[in-house]
Amino acid sequence: MENVLAYVALACGLIVSLGAIGASIGIALMGGKFLESSARQPELMNDLQTKMFILAGLIDAAFLIGVAIALLFAFANPFAATLLANVAR
């Protein structure tokens, strides 16, 4: 039982940490490309800024979905429930 809970805690940490790293790198790359493109063509800055903020929201939404899945496993662990049901028999 303790091993299952330990592995679930480890998995939750990996989900959140790798998701945060990926979202940070994605937003950093997108911000850099936005600055490059707005320096090349300043007349398109408003259109590019709108698209950049929409994409930043989508990147953050993917990270938050990962956080929600990690919280699901942390607090309503289906693996521990199955293990407890098998032990009770």
PDB file of N, CA and C in Angstrom:
ATOM      1  N   MET A   1       0.824  -1.197   0.000  1.00  0.00           N
ATOM      2  CA  MET A   1       0.000   0.000   0.000  1.00  0.00           C
ATOM      3  C   MET A   1       0.871   1.266   0.000  1.00  0.00           C
ATOM      4  N   GLU A   2       1.920   1.222   0.830  1.00  0.00           N
ATOM      5  CA  GLU A   2       2.791   2.397   0.912  1.00  0.00           C
ATOM      6  C   GLU A   2       3.539   2.632  -0.402  1.00  0.00           C
ATOM      7  N   ASN A   3       3.898   1.540  -1.060  1.00  0.00           N
ATOM      8  CA  ASN A   3       4.593   1.683  -2.339  1.00  0.00           C
ATOM      9  C   ASN A   3       3.703   2.335  -3.389  1.00  0.00           C
ATOM     10  N   VAL A   4       2.438   1.955  -3.410  1.00  0.00           N
ATOM     11  CA  VAL A   4       1.508   2.545  -4.381  1.00  0.00           C
ATOM     12  C   VAL A   4       1.365   4.032  -4.120  1.00  0.00           C
ATOM     13  N   LEU A   5       1.203   4.431  -2.874  1.00  0.00           N
ATOM     14  CA  LEU A   5       1.066   5.848  -2.542  1.00  0.00           C
ATOM     15  C   LEU A   5       2.351   6.611  -2.853  1.00  0.00           C
ATOM     16  N   ALA A   6       3.497   5.985  -2.622  1.00  0.00           N
ATOM     17  CA  ALA A   6       4.767   6.649  -2.928  1.00  0.00           C
ATOM     18  C   ALA A   6       4.934   6.846  -4.428  1.00  0.00           C
ATOM     19  N   TYR A   7       4.589   5.833  -5.211  1.00  0.00           N
ATOM     20  CA  TYR A   7       4.715   5.959  -6.666  1.00  0.00           C
ATOM     21  C   TYR A   7       3.728   6.973  -7.227  1.00  0.00           C
ATOM     22  N   VAL A   8       2.547   7.050  -6.649  1.00  0.00           N
ATOM     23  CA  VAL A   8       1.564   8.045  -7.105  1.00  0.00           C
ATOM     24  C   VAL A   8       2.048   9.448  -6.772  1.00  0.00           C
ATOM     25  N   ALA A   9       2.632   9.634  -5.594  1.00  0.00           N
ATOM     26  CA  ALA A   9       3.174  10.949  -5.241  1.00  0.00           C
ATOM     27  C   ALA A   9       4.320  11.334  -6.170  1.00  0.00           C
ATOM     28  N   LEU A  10       5.165  10.376  -6.496  1.00  0.00           N
ATOM     29  CA  LEU A  10       6.263  10.627  -7.430  1.00  0.00           C
ATOM     30  C   LEU A  10       5.730  10.985  -8.822  1.00  0.00           C
ATOM     31  N   ALA A  11       4.714  10.267  -9.272  1.00  0.00           N
ATOM     32  CA  ALA A  11       4.117  10.547 -10.585  1.00  0.00           C
ATOM     33  C   ALA A  11       3.471  11.925 -10.612  1.00  0.00           C
ATOM     34  N   CYS A  12       2.802  12.302  -9.538  1.00  0.00           N
ATOM     35  CA  CYS A  12       2.179  13.631  -9.478  1.00  0.00           C
ATOM     36  C   CYS A  12       3.232  14.731  -9.556  1.00  0.00           C
ATOM     37  N   GLY A  13       4.335  14.523  -8.853  1.00  0.00           N
ATOM     38  CA  GLY A  13       5.420  15.499  -8.917  1.00  0.00           C
ATOM     39  C   GLY A  13       6.008  15.612 -10.302  1.00  0.00           C
ATOM     40  N   LEU A  14       6.162  14.475 -10.975  1.00  0.00           N
ATOM     41  CA  LEU A  14       6.696  14.497 -12.337  1.00  0.00           C
ATOM     42  C   LEU A  14       5.734  15.164 -13.310  1.00  0.00           C
ATOM     43  N   ILE A  15       4.449  14.900 -13.152  1.00  0.00           N
ATOM     44  CA  ILE A  15       3.455  15.517 -14.044  1.00  0.00           C
ATOM     45  C   ILE A  15       3.504  17.036 -13.920  1.00  0.00           C
ATOM     46  N   VAL A  16       3.506  17.528 -12.695  1.00  0.00           N
ATOM     47  CA  VAL A  16       3.480  18.980 -12.487  1.00  0.00           C
ATOM     48  C   VAL A  16       4.807  19.609 -12.906  1.00  0.00           C
ATOM     49  N   SER A  17       5.937  18.987 -12.525  1.00  0.00           N
ATOM     50  CA  SER A  17       7.227  19.611 -12.827  1.00  0.00           C
ATOM     51  C   SER A  17       7.531  19.608 -14.320  1.00  0.00           C
ATOM     52  N   LEU A  18       7.297  18.501 -14.995  1.00  0.00           N
ATOM     53  CA  LEU A  18       7.568  18.464 -16.428  1.00  0.00           C
ATOM     54  C   LEU A  18       6.598  19.343 -17.209  1.00  0.00           C
ATOM     55  N   GLY A  19       5.360  19.422 -16.737  1.00  0.00           N
ATOM     56  CA  GLY A  19       4.405  20.322 -17.382  1.00  0.00           C
ATOM     57  C   GLY A  19       4.801  21.777 -17.229  1.00  0.00           C
ATOM     58  N   ALA A  20       5.287  22.138 -16.043  1.00  0.00           N
ATOM     59  CA  ALA A  20       5.729  23.520 -15.816  1.00  0.00           C
ATOM     60  C   ALA A  20       6.948  23.855 -16.652  1.00  0.00           C
ATOM     61  N   ILE A  21       7.875  22.913 -16.741  1.00  0.00           N
ATOM     62  CA  ILE A  21       9.073  23.147 -17.559  1.00  0.00           C
ATOM     63  C   ILE A  21       8.686  23.303 -19.029  1.00  0.00           C
ATOM     64  N   GLY A  22       7.812  22.434 -19.510  1.00  0.00           N
ATOM     65  CA  GLY A  22       7.392  22.513 -20.902  1.00  0.00           C
ATOM     66  C   GLY A  22       6.644  23.799 -21.218  1.00  0.00           C
ATOM     67  N   ALA A  23       5.747  24.203 -20.317  1.00  0.00           N
ATOM     68  CA  ALA A  23       4.997  25.443 -20.544  1.00  0.00           C
ATOM     69  C   ALA A  23       5.928  26.652 -20.500  1.00  0.00           C
ATOM     70  N   SER A  24       6.880  26.642 -19.605  1.00  0.00           N
ATOM     71  CA  SER A  24       7.820  27.765 -19.512  1.00  0.00           C
ATOM     72  C   SER A  24       8.677  27.880 -20.764  1.00  0.00           C
ATOM     73  N   ILE A  25       9.183  26.744 -21.228  1.00  0.00           N
ATOM     74  CA  ILE A  25      10.004  26.772 -22.440  1.00  0.00           C
ATOM     75  C   ILE A  25       9.168  27.193 -23.642  1.00  0.00           C
ATOM     76  N   GLY A  26       7.939  26.694 -23.728  1.00  0.00           N
ATOM     77  CA  GLY A  26       7.070  27.057 -24.848  1.00  0.00           C
ATOM     78  C   GLY A  26       6.745  28.535 -24.885  1.00  0.00           C
ATOM     79  N   ILE A  27       6.410  29.097 -23.740  1.00  0.00           N
ATOM     80  CA  ILE A  27       6.079  30.522 -23.701  1.00  0.00           C
ATOM     81  C   ILE A  27       7.322  31.371 -23.951  1.00  0.00           C
ATOM     82  N   ALA A  28       8.479  30.927 -23.456  1.00  0.00           N
ATOM     83  CA  ALA A  28       9.715  31.678 -23.698  1.00  0.00           C
ATOM     84  C   ALA A  28      10.074  31.687 -25.184  1.00  0.00           C
ATOM     85  N   LEU A  29       9.973  30.544 -25.838  1.00  0.00           N
ATOM     86  CA  LEU A  29      10.262  30.493 -27.273  1.00  0.00           C
ATOM     87  C   LEU A  29       9.277  31.347 -28.064  1.00  0.00           C
ATOM     88  N   MET A  30       8.004  31.273 -27.688  1.00  0.00           N
ATOM     89  CA  MET A  30       6.999  32.054 -28.395  1.00  0.00           C
ATOM     90  C   MET A  30       7.221  33.550 -28.186  1.00  0.00           C
ATOM     91  N   GLY A  31       7.576  33.952 -26.966  1.00  0.00           N
ATOM     92  CA  GLY A  31       7.838  35.365 -26.703  1.00  0.00           C
ATOM     93  C   GLY A  31       9.040  35.873 -27.481  1.00  0.00           C
ATOM     94  N   GLY A  32      10.084  35.052 -27.574  1.00  0.00           N
ATOM     95  CA  GLY A  32      11.254  35.445 -28.357  1.00  0.00           C
ATOM     96  C   GLY A  32      10.937  35.607 -29.832  1.00  0.00           C
ATOM     97  N   LYS A  33      10.164  34.673 -30.359  1.00  0.00           N
ATOM     98  CA  LYS A  33       9.783  34.771 -31.779  1.00  0.00           C
ATOM     99  C   LYS A  33       8.865  35.970 -32.023  1.00  0.00           C
ATOM    100  N   PHE A  34       8.026  36.289 -31.026  1.00  0.00           N
ATOM    101  CA  PHE A  34       7.173  37.477 -31.158  1.00  0.00           C
ATOM    102  C   PHE A  34       8.023  38.739 -31.230  1.00  0.00           C
ATOM    103  N   LEU A  35       9.034  38.826 -30.367  1.00  0.00           N
ATOM    104  CA  LEU A  35       9.895  40.012 -30.393  1.00  0.00           C
ATOM    105  C   LEU A  35      10.667  40.109 -31.703  1.00  0.00           C
ATOM    106  N   GLU A  36      11.145  38.982 -32.208  1.00  0.00           N
ATOM    107  CA  GLU A  36      11.848  39.002 -33.494  1.00  0.00           C
ATOM    108  C   GLU A  36      10.932  39.446 -34.631  1.00  0.00           C
ATOM    109  N   SER A  37       9.732  38.900 -34.662  1.00  0.00           N
ATOM    110  CA  SER A  37       8.831  39.229 -35.764  1.00  0.00           C
ATOM    111  C   SER A  37       8.305  40.654 -35.659  1.00  0.00           C
ATOM    112  N   SER A  38       8.095  41.144 -34.444  1.00  0.00           N
ATOM    113  CA  SER A  38       7.629  42.523 -34.326  1.00  0.00           C
ATOM    114  C   SER A  38       8.758  43.517 -34.613  1.00  0.00           C
ATOM    115  N   ALA A  39      10.013  43.112 -34.427  1.00  0.00           N
ATOM    116  CA  ALA A  39      11.125  43.991 -34.800  1.00  0.00           C
ATOM    117  C   ALA A  39      11.278  44.052 -36.317  1.00  0.00           C
ATOM    118  N   ARG A  40      10.985  42.932 -36.996  1.00  0.00           N
ATOM    119  CA  ARG A  40      11.093  42.917 -38.458  1.00  0.00           C
ATOM    120  C   ARG A  40       9.954  43.685 -39.121  1.00  0.00           C
ATOM    121  N   GLN A  41       8.742  43.471 -38.615  1.00  0.00           N
ATOM    122  CA  GLN A  41       7.564  44.127 -39.203  1.00  0.00           C
ATOM    123  C   GLN A  41       6.735  44.763 -38.091  1.00  0.00           C
ATOM    124  N   PRO A  42       7.058  45.974 -37.705  1.00  0.00           N
ATOM    125  CA  PRO A  42       6.350  46.625 -36.592  1.00  0.00           C
ATOM    126  C   PRO A  42       4.871  46.886 -36.877  1.00  0.00           C
ATOM    127  N   GLU A  43       4.494  46.928 -38.142  1.00  0.00           N
ATOM    128  CA  GLU A  43       3.079  47.195 -38.465  1.00  0.00           C
ATOM    129  C   GLU A  43       2.181  46.008 -38.130  1.00  0.00           C
ATOM    130  N   LEU A  44       2.745  44.821 -37.960  1.00  0.00           N
ATOM    131  CA  LEU A  44       1.953  43.632 -37.618  1.00  0.00           C
ATOM    132  C   LEU A  44       1.940  43.333 -36.121  1.00  0.00           C
ATOM    133  N   MET A  45       2.490  44.231 -35.316  1.00  0.00           N
ATOM    134  CA  MET A  45       2.647  43.943 -33.897  1.00  0.00           C
ATOM    135  C   MET A  45       1.322  43.688 -33.194  1.00  0.00           C
ATOM    136  N   ASN A  46       0.278  44.435 -33.506  1.00  0.00           N
ATOM    137  CA  ASN A  46      -1.005  44.251 -32.823  1.00  0.00           C
ATOM    138  C   ASN A  46      -1.627  42.893 -33.144  1.00  0.00           C
ATOM    139  N   ASP A  47      -1.591  42.492 -34.399  1.00  0.00           N
ATOM    140  CA  ASP A  47      -2.129  41.175 -34.775  1.00  0.00           C
ATOM    141  C   ASP A  47      -1.319  40.045 -34.145  1.00  0.00           C
ATOM    142  N   LEU A  48      -0.005  40.195 -34.166  1.00  0.00           N
ATOM    143  CA  LEU A  48       0.843  39.158 -33.586  1.00  0.00           C
ATOM    144  C   LEU A  48       0.677  39.071 -32.066  1.00  0.00           C
ATOM    145  N   GLN A  49       0.481  40.219 -31.433  1.00  0.00           N
ATOM    146  CA  GLN A  49       0.318  40.217 -29.977  1.00  0.00           C
ATOM    147  C   GLN A  49      -0.969  39.505 -29.576  1.00  0.00           C
ATOM    148  N   THR A  50      -2.027  39.714 -30.329  1.00  0.00           N
ATOM    149  CA  THR A  50      -3.285  39.027 -30.044  1.00  0.00           C
ATOM    150  C   THR A  50      -3.121  37.524 -30.169  1.00  0.00           C
ATOM    151  N   LYS A  51      -2.476  37.098 -31.244  1.00  0.00           N
ATOM    152  CA  LYS A  51      -2.265  35.664 -31.448  1.00  0.00           C
ATOM    153  C   LYS A  51      -1.328  35.085 -30.391  1.00  0.00           C
ATOM    154  N   MET A  52      -0.346  35.869 -29.959  1.00  0.00           N
ATOM    155  CA  MET A  52       0.582  35.388 -28.944  1.00  0.00           C
ATOM    156  C   MET A  52      -0.139  35.156 -27.618  1.00  0.00           C
ATOM    157  N   PHE A  53      -1.020  36.064 -27.225  1.00  0.00           N
ATOM    158  CA  PHE A  53      -1.736  35.894 -25.960  1.00  0.00           C
ATOM    159  C   PHE A  53      -2.711  34.722 -26.019  1.00  0.00           C
ATOM    160  N   ILE A  54      -3.325  34.497 -27.162  1.00  0.00           N
ATOM    161  CA  ILE A  54      -4.208  33.330 -27.306  1.00  0.00           C
ATOM    162  C   ILE A  54      -3.405  32.045 -27.160  1.00  0.00           C
ATOM    163  N   LEU A  55      -2.256  31.983 -27.805  1.00  0.00           N
ATOM    164  CA  LEU A  55      -1.415  30.785 -27.701  1.00  0.00           C
ATOM    165  C   LEU A  55      -0.846  30.610 -26.298  1.00  0.00           C
ATOM    166  N   ALA A  56      -0.512  31.706 -25.628  1.00  0.00           N
ATOM    167  CA  ALA A  56      -0.024  31.599 -24.249  1.00  0.00           C
ATOM    168  C   ALA A  56      -1.111  31.030 -23.341  1.00  0.00           C
ATOM    169  N   GLY A  57      -2.347  31.421 -23.569  1.00  0.00           N
ATOM    170  CA  GLY A  57      -3.456  30.849 -22.798  1.00  0.00           C
ATOM    171  C   GLY A  57      -3.642  29.370 -23.063  1.00  0.00           C
ATOM    172  N   LEU A  58      -3.475  28.958 -24.309  1.00  0.00           N
ATOM    173  CA  LEU A  58      -3.601  27.535 -24.631  1.00  0.00           C
ATOM    174  C   LEU A  58      -2.468  26.717 -24.028  1.00  0.00           C
ATOM    175  N   ILE A  59      -1.259  27.265 -24.027  1.00  0.00           N
ATOM    176  CA  ILE A  59      -0.131  26.561 -23.418  1.00  0.00           C
ATOM    177  C   ILE A  59      -0.357  26.415 -21.918  1.00  0.00           C
ATOM    178  N   ASP A  60      -0.812  27.485 -21.271  1.00  0.00           N
ATOM    179  CA  ASP A  60      -1.096  27.410 -19.836  1.00  0.00           C
ATOM    180  C   ASP A  60      -2.261  26.477 -19.546  1.00  0.00           C
ATOM    181  N   ALA A  61      -3.226  26.416 -20.441  1.00  0.00           N
ATOM    182  CA  ALA A  61      -4.362  25.511 -20.223  1.00  0.00           C
ATOM    183  C   ALA A  61      -3.900  24.058 -20.258  1.00  0.00           C
ATOM    184  N   ALA A  62      -2.984  23.732 -21.149  1.00  0.00           N
ATOM    185  CA  ALA A  62      -2.464  22.361 -21.186  1.00  0.00           C
ATOM    186  C   ALA A  62      -1.729  22.024 -19.901  1.00  0.00           C
ATOM    187  N   PHE A  63      -0.974  22.973 -19.363  1.00  0.00           N
ATOM    188  CA  PHE A  63      -0.293  22.755 -18.086  1.00  0.00           C
ATOM    189  C   PHE A  63      -1.294  22.577 -16.949  1.00  0.00           C
ATOM    190  N   LEU A  64      -2.335  23.377 -16.935  1.00  0.00           N
ATOM    191  CA  LEU A  64      -3.329  23.279 -15.852  1.00  0.00           C
ATOM    192  C   LEU A  64      -4.131  21.982 -15.938  1.00  0.00           C
ATOM    193  N   ILE A  65      -4.326  21.445 -17.125  1.00  0.00           N
ATOM    194  CA  ILE A  65      -4.964  20.135 -17.241  1.00  0.00           C
ATOM    195  C   ILE A  65      -4.089  19.070 -16.601  1.00  0.00           C
ATOM    196  N   GLY A  66      -2.783  19.160 -16.799  1.00  0.00           N
ATOM    197  CA  GLY A  66      -1.861  18.244 -16.143  1.00  0.00           C
ATOM    198  C   GLY A  66      -1.890  18.380 -14.634  1.00  0.00           C
ATOM    199  N   VAL A  67      -1.991  19.605 -14.135  1.00  0.00           N
ATOM    200  CA  VAL A  67      -2.103  19.824 -12.687  1.00  0.00           C
ATOM    201  C   VAL A  67      -3.393  19.223 -12.156  1.00  0.00           C
ATOM    202  N   ALA A  68      -4.484  19.365 -12.893  1.00  0.00           N
ATOM    203  CA  ALA A  68      -5.761  18.793 -12.459  1.00  0.00           C
ATOM    204  C   ALA A  68      -5.697  17.269 -12.406  1.00  0.00           C
ATOM    205  N   ILE A  69      -5.042  16.665 -13.374  1.00  0.00           N
ATOM    206  CA  ILE A  69      -4.892  15.204 -13.362  1.00  0.00           C
ATOM    207  C   ILE A  69      -4.029  14.772 -12.185  1.00  0.00           C
ATOM    208  N   ALA A  70      -2.961  15.525 -11.904  1.00  0.00           N
ATOM    209  CA  ALA A  70      -2.110  15.199 -10.761  1.00  0.00           C
ATOM    210  C   ALA A  70      -2.891  15.327  -9.446  1.00  0.00           C
ATOM    211  N   LEU A  71      -3.730  16.349  -9.331  1.00  0.00           N
ATOM    212  CA  LEU A  71      -4.546  16.501  -8.119  1.00  0.00           C
ATOM    213  C   LEU A  71      -5.572  15.388  -8.001  1.00  0.00           C
ATOM    214  N   LEU A  72      -6.099  14.939  -9.122  1.00  0.00           N
ATOM    215  CA  LEU A  72      -7.032  13.818  -9.097  1.00  0.00           C
ATOM    216  C   LEU A  72      -6.356  12.573  -8.523  1.00  0.00           C
ATOM    217  N   PHE A  73      -5.149  12.294  -9.000  1.00  0.00           N
ATOM    218  CA  PHE A  73      -4.436  11.124  -8.495  1.00  0.00           C
ATOM    219  C   PHE A  73      -3.978  11.310  -7.053  1.00  0.00           C
ATOM    220  N   ALA A  74      -3.699  12.546  -6.659  1.00  0.00           N
ATOM    221  CA  ALA A  74      -3.228  12.782  -5.299  1.00  0.00           C
ATOM    222  C   ALA A  74      -4.351  12.637  -4.276  1.00  0.00           C
ATOM    223  N   PHE A  75      -5.550  13.085  -4.593  1.00  0.00           N
ATOM    224  CA  PHE A  75      -6.617  13.123  -3.596  1.00  0.00           C
ATOM    225  C   PHE A  75      -7.705  12.077  -3.804  1.00  0.00           C
ATOM    226  N   ALA A  76      -7.946  11.663  -5.026  1.00  0.00           N
ATOM    227  CA  ALA A  76      -8.950  10.626  -5.286  1.00  0.00           C
ATOM    228  C   ALA A  76      -8.261   9.508  -6.057  1.00  0.00           C
ATOM    229  N   ASN A  77      -7.349   8.848  -5.399  1.00  0.00           N
ATOM    230  CA  ASN A  77      -6.461   7.894  -6.044  1.00  0.00           C
ATOM    231  C   ASN A  77      -7.207   6.613  -6.426  1.00  0.00           C
ATOM    232  N   PRO A  78      -7.405   6.363  -7.716  1.00  0.00           N
ATOM    233  CA  PRO A  78      -8.106   5.133  -8.114  1.00  0.00           C
ATOM    234  C   PRO A  78      -7.271   3.880  -7.866  1.00  0.00           C
ATOM    235  N   PHE A  79      -5.947   4.005  -7.870  1.00  0.00           N
ATOM    236  CA  PHE A  79      -5.095   2.849  -7.622  1.00  0.00           C
ATOM    237  C   PHE A  79      -5.201   2.394  -6.173  1.00  0.00           C
ATOM    238  N   ALA A  80      -5.209   3.341  -5.238  1.00  0.00           N
ATOM    239  CA  ALA A  80      -5.331   2.984  -3.826  1.00  0.00           C
ATOM    240  C   ALA A  80      -6.713   2.425  -3.536  1.00  0.00           C
ATOM    241  N   ALA A  81      -7.740   2.949  -4.192  1.00  0.00           N
ATOM    242  CA  ALA A  81      -9.094   2.430  -3.978  1.00  0.00           C
ATOM    243  C   ALA A  81      -9.197   0.987  -4.450  1.00  0.00           C
ATOM    244  N   THR A  82      -8.605   0.696  -5.583  1.00  0.00           N
ATOM    245  CA  THR A  82      -8.614  -0.692  -6.087  1.00  0.00           C
ATOM    246  C   THR A  82      -7.810  -1.601  -5.170  1.00  0.00           C
ATOM    247  N   LEU A  83      -6.703  -1.124  -4.694  1.00  0.00           N
ATOM    248  CA  LEU A  83      -5.868  -1.911  -3.786  1.00  0.00           C
ATOM    249  C   LEU A  83      -6.587  -2.187  -2.473  1.00  0.00           C
ATOM    250  N   LEU A  84      -7.267  -1.181  -1.952  1.00  0.00           N
ATOM    251  CA  LEU A  84      -8.022  -1.374  -0.707  1.00  0.00           C
ATOM    252  C   LEU A  84      -9.183  -2.330  -0.899  1.00  0.00           C
ATOM    253  N   ALA A  85      -9.814  -2.280  -2.050  1.00  0.00           N
ATOM    254  CA  ALA A  85     -10.925  -3.204  -2.313  1.00  0.00           C
ATOM    255  C   ALA A  85     -10.433  -4.634  -2.400  1.00  0.00           C
ATOM    256  N   ASN A  86      -9.269  -4.851  -2.982  1.00  0.00           N
ATOM    257  CA  ASN A  86      -8.705  -6.199  -3.080  1.00  0.00           C
ATOM    258  C   ASN A  86      -8.216  -6.712  -1.724  1.00  0.00           C
ATOM    259  N   VAL A  87      -7.710  -5.835  -0.878  1.00  0.00           N
ATOM    260  CA  VAL A  87      -7.228  -6.242   0.442  1.00  0.00           C
ATOM    261  C   VAL A  87      -8.404  -6.607   1.348  1.00  0.00           C
ATOM    262  N   ALA A  88      -9.536  -5.892   1.188  1.00  0.00           N
ATOM    263  CA  ALA A  88     -10.694  -6.106   2.049  1.00  0.00           C
ATOM    264  C   ALA A  88     -11.359  -7.464   1.782  1.00  0.00           C
ATOM    265  N   ARG A  89     -11.111  -8.057   0.643  1.00  0.00           N
ATOM    266  CA  ARG A  89     -11.749  -9.334   0.309  1.00  0.00           C
ATOM    267  C   ARG A  89     -11.213 -10.459   1.085  1.00  0.00           C
TER     268      ARG A  89
END
